Protein backbone atom coordinates (compact mmCIF):
# COMPACT_ATOMS: atom_id res chain seq x y z
CA VAL A 1 133.31 91.26 70.13
CA ALA A 2 131.66 89.15 72.81
CA THR A 3 129.97 90.82 75.75
CA ASP A 4 131.77 90.76 79.11
CA THR A 5 129.24 90.36 81.91
CA SER A 6 131.87 91.17 84.52
CA LEU A 7 131.92 94.79 83.32
CA ASP A 8 129.42 97.57 83.86
CA TRP A 9 127.14 98.65 81.01
CA ALA A 10 129.39 101.46 79.71
CA GLY A 11 132.64 99.55 80.28
CA ASN A 12 131.26 96.57 78.38
CA TYR A 13 130.13 98.80 75.52
CA ALA A 14 133.61 100.33 75.34
CA GLN A 15 135.33 96.94 75.14
CA MET A 16 132.82 95.71 72.53
CA LEU A 17 133.76 98.64 70.29
CA GLY A 18 137.17 96.98 69.91
CA VAL A 19 139.00 100.30 69.79
CA ASN A 20 141.49 99.55 72.55
CA ASN A 21 141.62 97.86 75.95
CA ASP A 22 142.87 100.91 77.86
CA GLU A 23 140.94 101.43 81.09
CA SER A 24 140.94 105.16 80.33
CA PHE A 25 138.87 104.49 77.20
CA LYS A 26 136.30 102.71 79.35
CA GLU A 27 136.35 105.71 81.68
CA VAL A 28 135.84 108.25 78.91
CA THR A 29 133.01 106.09 77.53
CA ARG A 30 131.38 106.03 80.96
CA LEU A 31 131.73 109.80 81.10
CA TYR A 32 130.33 110.28 77.59
CA LEU A 33 127.32 108.03 78.19
CA MET A 34 126.55 109.75 81.49
CA LEU A 35 126.86 113.33 80.20
CA HIS A 36 124.75 112.76 77.08
CA ALA A 37 122.04 110.64 78.72
CA ASP A 38 119.45 113.37 79.17
CA HIS A 39 118.92 117.01 78.30
CA GLU A 40 115.33 118.15 78.96
CA GLY A 41 112.45 117.21 76.69
CA GLY A 42 112.49 119.95 74.08
CA ASN A 43 115.30 118.72 71.85
CA VAL A 44 114.42 116.84 68.66
CA SER A 45 115.27 113.27 69.73
CA ALA A 46 113.69 113.50 73.19
CA HIS A 47 110.58 115.22 71.88
CA ALA A 48 110.15 112.81 68.97
CA THR A 49 110.45 109.87 71.37
CA HIS A 50 107.83 111.40 73.68
CA LEU A 51 105.52 112.21 70.78
CA VAL A 52 105.50 108.68 69.35
CA GLY A 53 105.46 107.16 72.84
CA SER A 54 102.37 109.21 73.70
CA ALA A 55 100.45 106.99 71.27
CA LEU A 56 101.44 104.07 73.56
CA SER A 57 103.82 102.82 70.89
CA ASP A 58 106.39 100.23 71.89
CA PRO A 59 109.44 101.94 73.52
CA TYR A 60 111.68 100.55 70.75
CA LEU A 61 109.49 102.17 68.08
CA ALA A 62 109.29 105.41 70.08
CA TYR A 63 113.06 105.68 70.40
CA SER A 64 113.54 104.71 66.76
CA ALA A 65 111.69 107.93 65.95
CA GLY A 66 114.04 109.82 68.24
CA VAL A 67 117.07 108.31 66.53
CA CYS A 68 115.69 109.39 63.15
CA GLY A 69 115.73 112.92 64.57
CA LEU A 70 119.37 112.45 65.52
CA ALA A 71 120.16 111.81 61.86
CA GLY A 72 119.53 115.48 61.09
CA PRO A 73 122.65 117.68 60.90
CA LEU A 74 121.14 120.34 63.16
CA HIS A 75 120.75 117.89 66.05
CA GLY A 76 122.91 114.78 65.97
CA LEU A 77 126.03 115.63 64.00
CA ALA A 78 127.47 118.30 66.27
CA ASN A 79 130.18 116.06 67.80
CA GLN A 80 131.85 115.37 64.48
CA GLU A 81 131.28 118.88 63.12
CA CYS A 82 133.25 120.32 66.04
CA LEU A 83 136.03 117.77 65.66
CA ARG A 84 136.30 118.42 61.92
CA TRP A 85 136.47 122.16 62.56
CA LEU A 86 139.28 121.67 65.08
CA LYS A 87 141.17 119.46 62.63
CA ALA A 88 140.74 121.97 59.80
CA THR A 89 141.83 124.83 62.08
CA LYS A 90 144.91 122.90 63.18
CA LYS A 91 145.78 122.19 59.55
CA THR A 92 145.41 125.88 58.68
CA LEU A 93 147.62 126.95 61.60
CA GLY A 94 150.27 124.40 60.66
CA ASP A 95 152.96 123.47 63.16
CA ALA A 96 152.65 126.72 65.09
CA GLU A 97 151.79 126.39 68.77
CA PRO A 98 148.27 127.87 69.12
CA THR A 99 147.99 131.04 71.18
CA VAL A 100 145.04 133.15 72.33
CA GLU A 101 146.13 135.98 70.02
CA MET A 102 146.37 133.63 67.05
CA LEU A 103 142.95 132.07 67.67
CA THR A 104 141.35 135.45 68.32
CA LYS A 105 142.38 136.62 64.85
CA PHE A 106 141.38 133.29 63.31
CA ALA A 107 137.92 133.49 64.92
CA LYS A 108 137.40 137.06 63.72
CA ASP A 109 138.44 136.12 60.18
CA THR A 110 136.12 133.09 60.27
CA LEU A 111 133.11 135.20 61.28
CA ALA A 112 134.02 137.94 58.79
CA SER A 113 133.95 135.37 55.99
CA GLY A 114 130.36 134.48 56.89
CA LYS A 115 131.16 131.12 58.45
CA VAL A 116 130.14 129.87 61.89
CA ILE A 117 132.27 128.39 64.65
CA PRO A 118 130.76 125.08 65.81
CA GLY A 119 130.77 124.04 69.44
CA PHE A 120 129.94 127.44 70.91
CA GLY A 121 126.51 128.60 72.03
CA HIS A 122 123.46 126.65 73.13
CA GLY A 123 119.72 126.84 72.63
CA VAL A 124 119.01 126.78 76.38
CA LEU A 125 122.18 127.41 78.40
CA ARG A 126 123.59 130.88 79.01
CA GLN A 127 126.95 129.86 80.49
CA SER A 128 129.73 127.38 79.80
CA ASP A 129 128.08 123.99 79.45
CA PRO A 130 128.78 122.09 82.71
CA ARG A 131 129.18 118.95 80.61
CA TYR A 132 131.93 120.66 78.63
CA MET A 133 133.70 121.66 81.84
CA ILE A 134 133.61 118.06 83.13
CA GLN A 135 135.10 116.77 79.87
CA ARG A 136 137.72 119.51 79.96
CA ALA A 137 138.77 118.46 83.47
CA PHE A 138 138.98 114.82 82.31
CA ALA A 139 141.15 115.77 79.34
CA GLN A 140 143.43 117.94 81.48
CA GLU A 141 143.97 115.00 83.80
CA HIS A 142 144.41 112.23 81.23
CA PHE A 143 145.82 113.78 78.03
CA PRO A 144 146.81 117.43 78.57
CA ASP A 145 149.39 117.32 75.75
CA ASP A 146 147.05 116.01 73.06
CA PRO A 147 147.43 118.50 70.15
CA LEU A 148 143.71 118.81 69.47
CA PHE A 149 142.90 119.26 73.14
CA LYS A 150 145.56 121.96 73.45
CA LEU A 151 143.97 123.74 70.49
CA ALA A 152 140.47 123.34 71.99
CA ASN A 153 141.73 124.74 75.26
CA VAL A 154 143.04 127.87 73.56
CA CYS A 155 139.72 128.18 71.70
CA PHE A 156 137.98 128.12 75.10
CA GLN A 157 139.95 131.23 76.07
CA ALA A 158 139.91 133.06 72.73
CA ILE A 159 136.56 132.51 71.04
CA PRO A 160 133.92 133.56 73.64
CA PRO A 161 135.17 137.19 73.80
CA VAL A 162 135.10 137.38 69.99
CA LEU A 163 131.51 136.09 69.87
CA GLN A 164 130.50 138.40 72.72
CA ALA A 165 131.89 141.40 70.88
CA THR A 166 129.53 140.83 67.94
CA GLY A 167 126.55 141.59 70.20
CA LYS A 168 124.53 138.94 68.36
CA VAL A 169 125.31 135.84 70.40
CA LYS A 170 123.30 135.18 73.56
CA ASN A 171 125.63 132.44 74.75
CA PRO A 172 129.23 132.61 73.49
CA TRP A 173 130.44 129.76 75.72
CA PRO A 174 131.41 126.24 74.58
CA ASN A 175 128.89 123.43 74.71
CA VAL A 176 129.34 119.69 75.29
CA ASP A 177 130.02 119.00 71.59
CA ALA A 178 133.15 121.16 71.58
CA LEU A 179 135.18 118.39 73.24
CA SER A 180 133.25 115.12 72.88
CA GLY A 181 134.81 114.13 69.57
CA THR A 182 138.30 115.12 70.69
CA CYS A 183 138.02 112.84 73.72
CA MET A 184 136.87 109.87 71.65
CA GLN A 185 139.48 110.38 68.95
CA HIS A 186 142.30 110.50 71.48
CA TYR A 187 141.58 106.87 72.38
CA GLY A 188 141.35 105.69 68.79
CA LEU A 189 137.66 105.98 67.96
CA THR A 190 138.34 107.90 64.76
CA GLN A 191 135.24 106.94 62.74
CA GLU A 192 133.54 110.28 63.21
CA ASP A 193 130.17 109.25 61.79
CA TYR A 194 129.88 106.72 64.62
CA TYR A 195 129.85 109.43 67.29
CA THR A 196 126.12 109.96 66.75
CA VAL A 197 125.60 106.26 67.46
CA VAL A 198 127.39 106.60 70.80
CA PHE A 199 125.22 109.65 71.48
CA ALA A 200 122.10 107.61 70.68
CA VAL A 201 123.17 104.78 73.00
CA SER A 202 123.57 107.33 75.77
CA ARG A 203 120.40 109.33 75.10
CA SER A 204 118.30 106.15 75.13
CA MET A 205 118.59 106.16 78.93
CA GLY A 206 117.09 109.62 79.35
CA CYS A 207 114.39 109.14 76.72
CA MET A 208 113.30 105.81 78.22
CA ALA A 209 113.22 107.29 81.74
CA ASN A 210 111.01 110.10 80.42
CA LEU A 211 108.79 107.55 78.67
CA VAL A 212 108.37 105.56 81.89
CA TRP A 213 107.30 108.70 83.76
CA SER A 214 104.88 109.59 80.97
CA ARG A 215 103.21 106.20 81.43
CA VAL A 216 103.27 106.45 85.23
CA MET A 217 101.50 109.82 85.13
CA GLY A 218 99.10 108.73 82.40
CA LEU A 219 99.96 111.63 80.11
CA PRO A 220 97.59 111.89 77.12
CA ILE A 221 98.52 111.49 73.48
CA GLU A 222 100.29 114.60 72.23
CA ARG A 223 98.20 116.55 69.77
CA PRO A 224 99.09 120.21 69.17
CA LYS A 225 96.20 122.36 68.04
CA SER A 226 95.97 123.29 64.39
CA VAL A 227 95.07 126.87 63.49
CA THR A 228 94.26 128.65 60.24
CA LEU A 229 96.09 131.65 58.83
CA ASP A 230 92.99 133.75 59.56
CA CYS A 231 93.19 132.74 63.21
CA LEU A 232 96.87 133.77 63.38
CA THR A 233 96.14 137.07 61.63
CA LYS A 234 93.41 137.91 64.17
CA ALA A 235 95.72 136.99 67.05
CA VAL A 236 98.40 139.36 65.77
CA LYS A 237 95.93 142.21 65.28
């Protein structure tokens, strides 16, 4: 699909995907690219980009390293994992309208079976992810009757108390990944493995901004110290 120079960056990207021409899809793409653009420097993709960039590597090469980090299931596949979990949950529940009571029991049974519930908890945040809340407000305004969104909304009410009750979860609240895939699928972007690509397009902005500041401040090459086991043993003693 040819580029449209009359559109903004995100709007043009949305139309080049060829999913649909709905203005709302351009809007949700703008939202997605904005919300995923940056998230501190400690995550795998941002840190890998900074690490390689600290050698004064070309920005393209530096971000390529970051994207390789996104390929790992613990970092870049969360969008689709959450969507697949919602789909599987909906299939298990059948045609029944989801309720808080129903999802509470389902969540307890899921945890009791040794499985995890994707989309809840975060390595840094200790509250509902503000990015999730913004997506939730968008969905409530544009597609409140979408079956998967309705299910996700009930999960938002039912699952945190269940996770809290275990006493093992520091942050039982939903994160940005809990709704990202649902929003994209609603507008026809159903190729779930592509969600990480959209994430990478977005995150490039934050990683490149960080790289620029690293150069501006003249930060040195990153080189963590290496220590021996003897050194660690002495430190513990």
